């Protein structure tokens, strides 16, 4: 299973940003794809997760409202959109995949290499 994050880069506070996770063979409504963020010197933080094409979506409490997660069946991607980005959204964003949705990075077996997001004020 290979995961690859696409998108990221630099943004100004208030912009919208869209990250895509290319899931290839892992795209399945019975398996979970999640997004994590890691700022320098901090632990990897769960952002959101979903079962591709399924009805359930999960967000960490601090991220609910500005973050949306959606699946593109044709492209087999799971996308994370961030509305009105803030400097504290900066960090490396990773997508991960596993058998079930969880907030813990230890529960995900497959990881992408990450993509950097830098938000300036």
C-alpha atoms as a PDB file:
ATOM      1  CA  UNK A   1       0.000   0.000   0.000  1.00  0.00           C
ATOM      2  CA  UNK A   2       1.417   3.335  -1.013  1.00  0.00           C
ATOM      3  CA  UNK A   3       0.057   6.632   0.160  1.00  0.00           C
ATOM      4  CA  UNK A   4       1.139   9.944  -1.263  1.00  0.00           C
ATOM      5  CA  UNK A   5       0.190  13.414  -0.112  1.00  0.00           C
ATOM      6  CA  UNK A   6      -0.292  16.083  -2.758  1.00  0.00           C
ATOM      7  CA  UNK A   7      -0.772  19.775  -2.149  1.00  0.00           C
ATOM      8  CA  UNK A   8       0.508  21.896   0.670  1.00  0.00           C
ATOM      9  CA  UNK A   9       3.059  24.655   0.344  1.00  0.00           C
ATOM     10  CA  UNK A  10       2.832  28.240   1.504  1.00  0.00           C
ATOM     11  CA  UNK A  11      -0.360  30.121   2.238  1.00  0.00           C
ATOM     12  CA  UNK A  12      -1.474  33.373   3.773  1.00  0.00           C
ATOM     13  CA  UNK A  13      -3.696  33.420   6.837  1.00  0.00           C
ATOM     14  CA  UNK A  14      -7.299  33.342   5.704  1.00  0.00           C
ATOM     15  CA  UNK A  15      -6.645  31.343   2.538  1.00  0.00           C
ATOM     16  CA  UNK A  16      -8.149  27.927   1.874  1.00  0.00           C
ATOM     17  CA  UNK A  17      -5.913  24.946   1.325  1.00  0.00           C
ATOM     18  CA  UNK A  18      -6.613  21.488  -0.082  1.00  0.00           C
ATOM     19  CA  UNK A  19      -4.464  18.430   0.476  1.00  0.00           C
ATOM     20  CA  UNK A  20      -5.008  15.142  -1.309  1.00  0.00           C
ATOM     21  CA  UNK A  21      -3.990  11.673  -0.227  1.00  0.00           C
ATOM     22  CA  UNK A  22      -3.531   9.287  -3.133  1.00  0.00           C
ATOM     23  CA  UNK A  23      -4.515   5.919  -1.715  1.00  0.00           C
ATOM     24  CA  UNK A  24      -4.215   3.591  -4.748  1.00  0.00           C
ATOM     25  CA  UNK A  25      -5.291   0.098  -3.726  1.00  0.00           C
ATOM     26  CA  UNK A  26      -6.310   1.061  -0.213  1.00  0.00           C
ATOM     27  CA  UNK A  27      -9.381   3.037  -1.294  1.00  0.00           C
ATOM     28  CA  UNK A  28     -12.163   1.062   0.364  1.00  0.00           C
ATOM     29  CA  UNK A  29     -15.197   2.163   2.353  1.00  0.00           C
ATOM     30  CA  UNK A  30     -14.461  -0.458   5.011  1.00  0.00           C
ATOM     31  CA  UNK A  31     -10.993   0.856   5.790  1.00  0.00           C
ATOM     32  CA  UNK A  32     -10.002   4.150   7.303  1.00  0.00           C
ATOM     33  CA  UNK A  33      -7.894   6.970   5.920  1.00  0.00           C
ATOM     34  CA  UNK A  34      -6.780   9.705   8.295  1.00  0.00           C
ATOM     35  CA  UNK A  35      -4.872  12.962   8.284  1.00  0.00           C
ATOM     36  CA  UNK A  36      -2.314  13.900  10.923  1.00  0.00           C
ATOM     37  CA  UNK A  37      -0.315  17.077  11.446  1.00  0.00           C
ATOM     38  CA  UNK A  38       3.088  17.419  13.057  1.00  0.00           C
ATOM     39  CA  UNK A  39       4.625  20.747  14.009  1.00  0.00           C
ATOM     40  CA  UNK A  40       8.362  20.977  14.720  1.00  0.00           C
ATOM     41  CA  UNK A  41       9.200  19.557  18.131  1.00  0.00           C
ATOM     42  CA  UNK A  42       5.683  18.283  18.763  1.00  0.00           C
ATOM     43  CA  UNK A  43       3.981  14.919  18.555  1.00  0.00           C
ATOM     44  CA  UNK A  44       1.970  13.905  15.540  1.00  0.00           C
ATOM     45  CA  UNK A  45      -1.585  15.188  16.041  1.00  0.00           C
ATOM     46  CA  UNK A  46      -4.715  13.619  14.638  1.00  0.00           C
ATOM     47  CA  UNK A  47      -6.728  15.983  12.427  1.00  0.00           C
ATOM     48  CA  UNK A  48      -9.515  13.993  10.779  1.00  0.00           C
ATOM     49  CA  UNK A  49     -10.378  10.565   9.448  1.00  0.00           C
ATOM     50  CA  UNK A  50     -13.036   8.845   7.389  1.00  0.00           C
ATOM     51  CA  UNK A  51     -13.983   5.667   5.590  1.00  0.00           C
ATOM     52  CA  UNK A  52     -13.666   6.587   1.887  1.00  0.00           C
ATOM     53  CA  UNK A  53     -17.110   6.910   0.401  1.00  0.00           C
ATOM     54  CA  UNK A  54     -18.718   6.074   3.710  1.00  0.00           C
ATOM     55  CA  UNK A  55     -20.960   8.281   5.796  1.00  0.00           C
ATOM     56  CA  UNK A  56     -18.757   8.616   8.823  1.00  0.00           C
ATOM     57  CA  UNK A  57     -16.279  11.434   9.280  1.00  0.00           C
ATOM     58  CA  UNK A  58     -14.343  12.226  12.393  1.00  0.00           C
ATOM     59  CA  UNK A  59     -12.595  15.398  13.438  1.00  0.00           C
ATOM     60  CA  UNK A  60     -10.578  16.353  16.449  1.00  0.00           C
ATOM     61  CA  UNK A  61     -12.479  18.846  18.566  1.00  0.00           C
ATOM     62  CA  UNK A  62     -10.110  21.701  17.827  1.00  0.00           C
ATOM     63  CA  UNK A  63     -10.342  21.162  14.073  1.00  0.00           C
ATOM     64  CA  UNK A  64     -14.052  20.659  13.601  1.00  0.00           C
ATOM     65  CA  UNK A  65     -15.599  23.462  11.605  1.00  0.00           C
ATOM     66  CA  UNK A  66     -12.667  24.617   9.502  1.00  0.00           C
ATOM     67  CA  UNK A  67     -11.599  21.221   8.252  1.00  0.00           C
ATOM     68  CA  UNK A  68     -13.482  18.961   5.867  1.00  0.00           C
ATOM     69  CA  UNK A  69     -12.533  15.520   4.685  1.00  0.00           C
ATOM     70  CA  UNK A  70     -13.908  14.008   1.508  1.00  0.00           C
ATOM     71  CA  UNK A  71     -13.269  11.131  -0.853  1.00  0.00           C
ATOM     72  CA  UNK A  72     -12.957  11.269  -4.633  1.00  0.00           C
ATOM     73  CA  UNK A  73     -14.009   7.868  -5.929  1.00  0.00           C
ATOM     74  CA  UNK A  74     -12.694   8.458  -9.446  1.00  0.00           C
ATOM     75  CA  UNK A  75      -9.249   9.573  -8.320  1.00  0.00           C
ATOM     76  CA  UNK A  76      -9.154   7.300  -5.268  1.00  0.00           C
ATOM     77  CA  UNK A  77      -8.056  10.159  -3.096  1.00  0.00           C
ATOM     78  CA  UNK A  78      -9.075  11.328   0.357  1.00  0.00           C
ATOM     79  CA  UNK A  79      -8.863  15.090   0.523  1.00  0.00           C
ATOM     80  CA  UNK A  80      -8.474  17.414   3.473  1.00  0.00           C
ATOM     81  CA  UNK A  81      -9.639  20.973   2.984  1.00  0.00           C
ATOM     82  CA  UNK A  82      -8.708  23.658   5.455  1.00  0.00           C
ATOM     83  CA  UNK A  83     -10.758  26.828   5.432  1.00  0.00           C
ATOM     84  CA  UNK A  84      -9.399  30.151   6.622  1.00  0.00           C
ATOM     85  CA  UNK A  85      -5.956  28.796   7.462  1.00  0.00           C
ATOM     86  CA  UNK A  86      -4.091  30.096  10.501  1.00  0.00           C
ATOM     87  CA  UNK A  87      -0.359  30.174  11.284  1.00  0.00           C
ATOM     88  CA  UNK A  88      -0.933  27.445  13.862  1.00  0.00           C
ATOM     89  CA  UNK A  89      -2.094  25.143  11.048  1.00  0.00           C
ATOM     90  CA  UNK A  90       1.519  25.040   9.847  1.00  0.00           C
ATOM     91  CA  UNK A  91       3.352  21.740   9.970  1.00  0.00           C
ATOM     92  CA  UNK A  92       3.863  18.533   8.099  1.00  0.00           C
ATOM     93  CA  UNK A  93       0.637  16.828   7.095  1.00  0.00           C
ATOM     94  CA  UNK A  94       0.576  13.062   6.774  1.00  0.00           C
ATOM     95  CA  UNK A  95      -2.098  10.740   5.536  1.00  0.00           C
ATOM     96  CA  UNK A  96      -2.372   7.317   7.096  1.00  0.00           C
ATOM     97  CA  UNK A  97      -4.457   4.221   6.501  1.00  0.00           C
ATOM     98  CA  UNK A  98      -5.597   1.374   8.688  1.00  0.00           C
ATOM     99  CA  UNK A  99      -8.416  -1.056   9.372  1.00  0.00           C
ATOM    100  CA  UNK A 100     -10.406   1.321  11.576  1.00  0.00           C
ATOM    101  CA  UNK A 101     -10.593   5.006  12.373  1.00  0.00           C
ATOM    102  CA  UNK A 102      -8.747   6.129  15.468  1.00  0.00           C
ATOM    103  CA  UNK A 103      -7.134   9.240  16.867  1.00  0.00           C
ATOM    104  CA  UNK A 104      -3.943   7.321  17.695  1.00  0.00           C
ATOM    105  CA  UNK A 105      -1.143   7.231  15.101  1.00  0.00           C
ATOM    106  CA  UNK A 106      -0.167   3.813  16.477  1.00  0.00           C
ATOM    107  CA  UNK A 107      -3.344   2.349  15.002  1.00  0.00           C
ATOM    108  CA  UNK A 108      -2.388   3.149  11.420  1.00  0.00           C
ATOM    109  CA  UNK A 109      -0.144   0.767   9.560  1.00  0.00           C
ATOM    110  CA  UNK A 110       0.450   2.725   6.361  1.00  0.00           C
ATOM    111  CA  UNK A 111       1.794   6.260   6.077  1.00  0.00           C
ATOM    112  CA  UNK A 112       2.671   8.731   3.367  1.00  0.00           C
ATOM    113  CA  UNK A 113       5.871  10.768   3.369  1.00  0.00           C
ATOM    114  CA  UNK A 114       4.085  13.963   4.353  1.00  0.00           C
ATOM    115  CA  UNK A 115       3.657  17.375   2.814  1.00  0.00           C
ATOM    116  CA  UNK A 116       4.664  20.674   4.368  1.00  0.00           C
ATOM    117  CA  UNK A 117       2.182  23.476   5.014  1.00  0.00           C
ATOM    118  CA  UNK A 118       3.439  26.902   6.018  1.00  0.00           C
ATOM    119  CA  UNK A 119       0.948  29.625   6.857  1.00  0.00           C
ATOM    120  CA  UNK A 120       2.121  33.189   7.305  1.00  0.00           C
ATOM    121  CA  UNK A 121       0.162  35.896   9.032  1.00  0.00           C
END
